[in-house]
Amino acid sequence: MQEEHDDIINICNITRLEVAALSWQLLLPDLEKIRSRYFTLKHSAFPFWARIWPAAKALGIYLVENFQVIDNKSVLEVGGGLGIPSIVASGFASEVICTDLYPEGLWICKKNAELNGIGNVSIRVFDWNIDEMPDTDVIIGSDISYDPSQYKRLEKLLRIWVDAGKTIVLSMPQRLQSVPFVVAIESLIRDRREYTIIDDEREVIVSVFRL
């Protein structure tokens, strides 16, 4: 497993990422190489964890602009992928736990934390359907509502987390298929913002909700 993760690191490029007024040097997968490698080894389509999605960038911007939401608090990122929001949150939070179903992106997140001298980010493989939730003050997630089959389960979890006193910040691109989910959680929303993110030379409007 260690060798497999190191092999992924070897097909990453160092890129500077800017979010609001902050920037980091990050290892990011070469998309063509990761696509070829993943198909060869996994016999599957391009993995979602391997790129930075507009929702992750928008969530990062929101966290910088509203840093008081996470300032000196413990933060859990669910569905983290490469963990870009976790890297952003680390500059304000006391502790950040980046989680995902797939360890490959988490391994890159760990390396990026090390590359930037960040000591308060840890990683954990986590399935919200079966695993025990780490106890943190704030829960963040970018585009975790992309699968309509998970809407009811996710809505139930959000209500449980809110009832437990957690602050939740979610980002999602504006999609027609997501409208029923947003309507279902409407009563939980305390703040909402919209961000226009440039992704591959196209504009993507992303909504960010604080519950």
Protein backbone atom coordinates (compact mmCIF):
# COMPACT_ATOMS: atom_id res chain seq x y z
CA MET A 1 0.00 0.00 0.00
CA GLN A 2 2.83 2.39 0.87
CA GLU A 3 4.46 1.71 -2.51
CA GLU A 4 1.17 2.33 -4.32
CA HIS A 5 0.72 5.69 -2.59
CA ASP A 6 4.31 6.68 -3.30
CA ASP A 7 3.73 5.82 -6.94
CA ILE A 8 0.81 8.25 -7.01
CA ILE A 9 3.01 10.97 -5.56
CA ASN A 10 5.51 10.32 -8.35
CA ILE A 11 2.96 11.28 -11.00
CA CYS A 12 2.04 14.56 -9.32
CA ASN A 13 3.26 18.01 -10.29
CA ILE A 14 3.98 20.90 -7.93
CA THR A 15 1.51 23.73 -8.54
CA ARG A 16 0.80 26.98 -6.74
CA LEU A 17 -2.81 27.25 -5.65
CA GLU A 18 -4.32 30.58 -4.62
CA VAL A 19 -7.51 30.82 -2.57
CA ALA A 20 -8.65 34.34 -1.69
CA ALA A 21 -5.49 36.07 -0.41
CA LEU A 22 -3.67 32.85 0.55
CA SER A 23 -1.49 30.52 -1.52
CA TRP A 24 0.27 27.17 -1.19
CA GLN A 25 2.68 25.02 -3.16
CA LEU A 26 0.78 21.78 -3.73
CA LEU A 27 1.38 18.37 -5.24
CA LEU A 28 -1.48 17.75 -7.66
CA PRO A 29 -2.03 14.70 -9.88
CA ASP A 30 -1.13 14.94 -13.55
CA LEU A 31 -4.65 14.29 -14.83
CA GLU A 32 -3.65 12.39 -17.97
CA LYS A 33 -1.19 10.17 -16.11
CA ILE A 34 -3.61 9.49 -13.27
CA ARG A 35 -6.39 8.67 -15.74
CA SER A 36 -4.16 6.17 -17.56
CA ARG A 37 -2.83 4.65 -14.35
CA TYR A 38 -6.21 4.39 -12.69
CA PHE A 39 -7.82 2.71 -15.67
CA THR A 40 -4.95 0.24 -15.98
CA LEU A 41 -4.91 -0.75 -12.31
CA LYS A 42 -8.53 -0.27 -11.28
CA HIS A 43 -10.26 -0.87 -14.63
CA SER A 44 -12.44 2.10 -13.84
CA ALA A 45 -13.23 5.61 -14.96
CA PHE A 46 -11.32 8.70 -13.91
CA PRO A 47 -11.41 8.95 -10.08
CA PHE A 48 -13.28 11.90 -8.59
CA TRP A 49 -10.67 12.41 -5.87
CA ALA A 50 -7.89 13.23 -8.34
CA ARG A 51 -8.74 16.82 -9.27
CA ILE A 52 -9.70 20.08 -7.59
CA TRP A 53 -13.40 20.70 -8.20
CA PRO A 54 -15.02 24.15 -8.27
CA ALA A 55 -16.94 23.37 -5.08
CA ALA A 56 -13.67 22.81 -3.20
CA LYS A 57 -12.35 26.19 -4.32
CA ALA A 58 -15.58 27.94 -3.35
CA LEU A 59 -15.58 26.29 0.07
CA GLY A 60 -12.00 27.43 0.57
CA ILE A 61 -12.90 31.01 -0.31
CA TYR A 62 -15.84 30.95 2.09
CA LEU A 63 -13.63 29.67 4.92
CA VAL A 64 -11.11 32.48 4.36
CA GLU A 65 -13.80 35.15 4.15
CA ASN A 66 -15.62 33.75 7.19
CA PHE A 67 -12.68 32.42 9.17
CA GLN A 68 -14.47 33.05 12.47
CA VAL A 69 -16.60 29.97 11.72
CA ILE A 70 -13.54 27.73 12.15
CA ASP A 71 -11.16 29.95 14.13
CA ASN A 72 -9.42 27.88 16.84
CA LYS A 73 -11.96 25.07 16.37
CA SER A 74 -11.65 21.42 15.42
CA VAL A 75 -12.77 20.72 11.84
CA LEU A 76 -13.74 17.53 10.03
CA GLU A 77 -13.83 17.43 6.24
CA VAL A 78 -16.02 14.69 4.77
CA GLY A 79 -15.56 13.52 1.19
CA GLY A 80 -12.30 15.44 1.16
CA GLY A 81 -10.63 14.01 -1.94
CA LEU A 82 -7.38 15.96 -2.22
CA GLY A 83 -8.33 17.89 0.90
CA ILE A 84 -7.97 21.42 -0.45
CA PRO A 85 -10.55 22.86 2.00
CA SER A 86 -8.67 21.08 4.81
CA ILE A 87 -5.44 22.78 3.78
CA VAL A 88 -7.24 26.14 3.75
CA ALA A 89 -8.92 25.48 7.11
CA SER A 90 -5.61 24.55 8.73
CA GLY A 91 -4.57 28.19 8.79
CA PHE A 92 -7.38 29.05 11.21
CA ALA A 93 -8.53 25.84 12.92
CA SER A 94 -6.89 24.19 15.92
CA GLU A 95 -7.18 20.75 14.29
CA VAL A 96 -8.35 19.45 10.91
CA ILE A 97 -9.24 15.85 10.08
CA CYS A 98 -9.55 15.21 6.35
CA THR A 99 -11.57 12.11 5.49
CA ASP A 100 -12.63 10.27 2.36
CA LEU A 101 -13.61 6.78 1.24
CA TYR A 102 -10.48 6.57 -0.92
CA PRO A 103 -6.99 6.76 0.58
CA GLU A 104 -5.16 7.98 -2.55
CA GLY A 105 -6.35 11.58 -2.34
CA LEU A 106 -5.85 11.60 1.43
CA TRP A 107 -2.24 10.55 0.98
CA ILE A 108 -1.68 13.53 -1.32
CA CYS A 109 -3.38 15.79 1.24
CA LYS A 110 -0.96 14.50 3.90
CA LYS A 111 2.04 15.17 1.65
CA ASN A 112 0.76 18.67 0.85
CA ALA A 113 0.41 19.45 4.55
CA GLU A 114 4.02 18.34 5.04
CA LEU A 115 5.18 20.33 1.99
CA ASN A 116 3.72 23.51 3.47
CA GLY A 117 4.83 22.91 7.04
CA ILE A 118 1.26 22.32 8.25
CA GLY A 119 1.16 20.28 11.43
CA ASN A 120 -2.50 20.29 12.41
CA VAL A 121 -3.97 18.23 9.55
CA SER A 122 -4.50 14.48 9.89
CA ILE A 123 -6.14 12.06 7.47
CA ARG A 124 -8.56 9.19 7.94
CA VAL A 125 -10.39 6.81 5.62
CA PHE A 126 -14.03 7.31 6.57
CA ASP A 127 -17.45 6.11 5.40
CA TRP A 128 -20.26 8.17 6.91
CA ASN A 129 -22.67 5.26 6.36
CA ILE A 130 -20.88 2.91 8.74
CA ASP A 131 -17.99 4.58 10.60
CA GLU A 132 -18.19 6.42 13.91
CA MET A 133 -18.04 10.18 13.44
CA PRO A 134 -14.95 11.89 14.90
CA ASP A 135 -15.99 14.50 17.47
CA THR A 136 -15.24 17.97 16.07
CA ASP A 137 -16.77 21.44 16.34
CA VAL A 138 -17.24 22.01 12.60
CA ILE A 139 -17.96 19.71 9.66
CA ILE A 140 -17.17 20.83 6.10
CA GLY A 141 -17.78 19.18 2.74
CA SER A 142 -17.53 20.17 -0.91
CA ASP A 143 -19.87 18.63 -3.49
CA ILE A 144 -20.76 15.70 -1.25
CA SER A 145 -24.37 15.84 -2.52
CA TYR A 146 -23.57 14.85 -6.11
CA ASP A 147 -25.30 11.45 -5.84
CA PRO A 148 -29.13 11.66 -5.63
CA SER A 149 -29.28 8.14 -4.18
CA GLN A 150 -27.56 9.51 -1.06
CA TYR A 151 -29.83 12.52 -0.53
CA LYS A 152 -32.09 11.04 2.15
CA ARG A 153 -29.18 9.52 4.06
CA LEU A 154 -27.19 12.75 3.87
CA GLU A 155 -30.16 14.87 4.95
CA LYS A 156 -30.66 12.58 7.96
CA LEU A 157 -26.98 12.87 8.90
CA LEU A 158 -27.02 16.66 8.57
CA ARG A 159 -29.98 16.88 10.93
CA ILE A 160 -28.24 14.59 13.43
CA TRP A 161 -25.07 16.71 13.26
CA VAL A 162 -26.97 20.00 13.64
CA ASP A 163 -28.94 18.59 16.60
CA ALA A 164 -25.59 17.63 18.16
CA GLY A 165 -24.52 21.27 18.00
CA LYS A 166 -22.17 21.01 15.03
CA THR A 167 -21.62 23.85 12.61
CA ILE A 168 -21.73 22.55 9.04
CA VAL A 169 -20.47 24.27 5.90
CA LEU A 170 -21.32 22.69 2.55
CA SER A 171 -20.57 23.77 -1.01
CA MET A 172 -22.19 22.48 -4.18
CA PRO A 173 -22.35 23.55 -7.81
CA GLN A 174 -25.79 24.65 -8.84
CA ARG A 175 -27.39 21.64 -10.53
CA LEU A 176 -31.03 20.96 -11.26
CA GLN A 177 -30.73 17.53 -9.69
CA SER A 178 -29.59 19.10 -6.41
CA VAL A 179 -32.68 21.30 -6.00
CA PRO A 180 -34.71 18.68 -4.04
CA PHE A 181 -31.80 18.24 -1.62
CA VAL A 182 -31.44 21.99 -1.04
CA VAL A 183 -35.21 22.26 -0.47
CA ALA A 184 -35.04 19.40 2.04
CA ILE A 185 -32.35 21.13 4.15
CA GLU A 186 -33.75 24.67 3.73
CA SER A 187 -34.83 24.91 7.36
CA LEU A 188 -31.27 24.20 8.53
CA ILE A 189 -29.55 26.91 6.46
CA ARG A 190 -28.26 29.91 8.46
CA ASP A 191 -26.12 31.51 5.78
CA ARG A 192 -25.70 31.11 2.02
CA ARG A 193 -23.32 32.59 -0.52
CA GLU A 194 -22.72 32.20 -4.25
CA TYR A 195 -19.32 32.13 -5.91
CA THR A 196 -18.41 32.08 -9.58
CA ILE A 197 -15.45 29.76 -10.08
CA ILE A 198 -13.47 29.52 -13.32
CA ASP A 199 -12.89 25.86 -14.14
CA ASP A 200 -11.26 24.86 -17.43
CA GLU A 201 -12.14 28.27 -18.87
CA ARG A 202 -15.81 27.99 -17.99
CA GLU A 203 -17.79 29.65 -15.23
CA VAL A 204 -19.31 27.42 -12.55
CA ILE A 205 -21.67 28.93 -10.00
CA VAL A 206 -21.24 27.30 -6.60
CA SER A 207 -23.51 27.73 -3.60
CA VAL A 208 -22.08 27.57 -0.07
CA PHE A 209 -24.40 26.89 2.85
CA ARG A 210 -23.70 27.19 6.57
CA LEU A 211 -26.00 25.09 8.74
